[in-house]
């Protein structure tokens, strides 16, 4: 039964809709927030200020997003692959749920 559950989660992630957002993502109290905007308005300064306050950087400049189960959006950095929360490959520092 465990194999079937893990296989189902893996297949859902493999075939989930994906996209790319131009912006940096930071984890604020367990919720992913993407900071986006025009060039030169201070996005990087805002991100650095949040990191100095103890929040975690998830993705810099380009954030990959994946829609899971039609209701949950997971953001991660370029070059990583999201894993379902609770699965063996899930890494909290690379994968964050985003508020809608």
Protein backbone atom coordinates (compact mmCIF):
# COMPACT_ATOMS: atom_id res chain seq x y z
CA UNK A 1 0.00 0.00 0.00
CA UNK A 2 2.86 2.37 0.80
CA UNK A 3 4.33 1.81 -2.67
CA UNK A 4 1.01 2.67 -4.32
CA UNK A 5 0.71 5.88 -2.28
CA UNK A 6 4.25 6.96 -3.13
CA UNK A 7 3.79 6.04 -6.81
CA UNK A 8 0.55 8.04 -6.95
CA UNK A 9 2.25 11.09 -5.41
CA UNK A 10 5.19 10.79 -7.79
CA UNK A 11 2.94 10.51 -10.86
CA UNK A 12 0.85 13.49 -9.74
CA UNK A 13 4.02 15.57 -9.44
CA UNK A 14 5.41 14.36 -12.77
CA UNK A 15 2.29 15.37 -14.69
CA UNK A 16 1.29 18.46 -12.68
CA UNK A 17 0.97 21.77 -14.58
CA UNK A 18 4.13 23.90 -14.31
CA UNK A 19 5.11 27.48 -14.97
CA UNK A 20 7.79 30.07 -14.36
CA UNK A 21 7.50 33.38 -12.54
CA UNK A 22 10.08 36.10 -12.93
CA UNK A 23 10.74 37.07 -9.35
CA UNK A 24 12.41 35.95 -6.13
CA UNK A 25 10.58 33.75 -3.67
CA UNK A 26 10.98 33.89 0.07
CA UNK A 27 9.45 31.81 2.85
CA UNK A 28 7.57 33.98 5.32
CA UNK A 29 6.22 31.92 8.22
CA UNK A 30 5.74 28.85 6.03
CA UNK A 31 4.07 30.67 3.14
CA UNK A 32 5.93 31.32 -0.09
CA UNK A 33 5.87 34.92 -1.31
CA UNK A 34 7.13 35.95 -4.74
CA UNK A 35 8.50 39.49 -5.00
CA UNK A 36 8.19 40.76 -8.57
CA UNK A 37 8.26 44.11 -10.29
CA UNK A 38 10.00 46.39 -12.73
CA UNK A 39 13.77 46.55 -12.92
CA UNK A 40 15.40 48.85 -10.37
CA UNK A 41 12.51 49.23 -7.91
CA UNK A 42 14.32 47.49 -5.02
CA UNK A 43 13.25 43.86 -5.16
CA UNK A 44 16.71 42.60 -4.19
CA UNK A 45 16.95 45.07 -1.30
CA UNK A 46 13.56 43.93 -0.05
CA UNK A 47 14.59 40.28 -0.24
CA UNK A 48 17.88 40.99 1.58
CA UNK A 49 16.03 42.87 4.32
CA UNK A 50 13.69 39.89 4.81
CA UNK A 51 16.63 37.46 4.90
CA UNK A 52 18.30 39.66 7.56
CA UNK A 53 15.11 39.33 9.61
CA UNK A 54 15.45 35.55 9.55
CA UNK A 55 13.24 34.49 6.64
CA UNK A 56 14.49 31.94 4.09
CA UNK A 57 15.23 32.51 0.42
CA UNK A 58 13.59 29.82 -1.73
CA UNK A 59 14.40 31.04 -5.26
CA UNK A 60 16.34 33.96 -6.68
CA UNK A 61 15.19 35.84 -9.82
CA UNK A 62 13.33 32.91 -11.42
CA UNK A 63 10.79 30.84 -9.48
CA UNK A 64 9.42 27.62 -10.90
CA UNK A 65 5.84 26.89 -9.83
CA UNK A 66 3.87 23.64 -9.88
CA UNK A 67 0.12 23.23 -9.39
CA UNK A 68 -0.56 20.17 -7.26
CA UNK A 69 -3.98 18.59 -6.93
CA UNK A 70 -5.54 21.58 -8.69
CA UNK A 71 -5.48 23.63 -5.48
CA UNK A 72 -1.95 23.94 -4.13
CA UNK A 73 0.87 25.89 -5.78
CA UNK A 74 4.41 24.90 -4.86
CA UNK A 75 7.34 27.17 -5.69
CA UNK A 76 10.93 26.05 -6.03
CA UNK A 77 14.23 27.26 -7.43
CA UNK A 78 15.38 26.56 -10.94
CA UNK A 79 17.18 23.22 -11.21
CA UNK A 80 15.27 21.52 -8.38
CA UNK A 81 12.17 19.39 -8.62
CA UNK A 82 9.30 19.78 -6.17
CA UNK A 83 8.39 16.82 -4.00
CA UNK A 84 5.04 16.32 -2.27
CA UNK A 85 5.11 17.43 1.36
CA UNK A 86 5.86 14.43 3.55
CA UNK A 87 7.48 12.38 0.79
CA UNK A 88 11.05 11.06 1.25
CA UNK A 89 12.54 13.56 -1.24
CA UNK A 90 10.80 16.66 0.20
CA UNK A 91 13.22 19.41 1.22
CA UNK A 92 11.73 22.35 3.09
CA UNK A 93 14.38 24.82 1.93
CA UNK A 94 13.67 24.21 -1.77
CA UNK A 95 9.93 23.89 -1.89
CA UNK A 96 7.29 26.20 -0.45
CA UNK A 97 3.55 26.41 -0.65
CA UNK A 98 2.33 29.74 -1.86
CA UNK A 99 -0.74 31.65 -0.80
CA UNK A 100 -3.29 32.24 -3.52
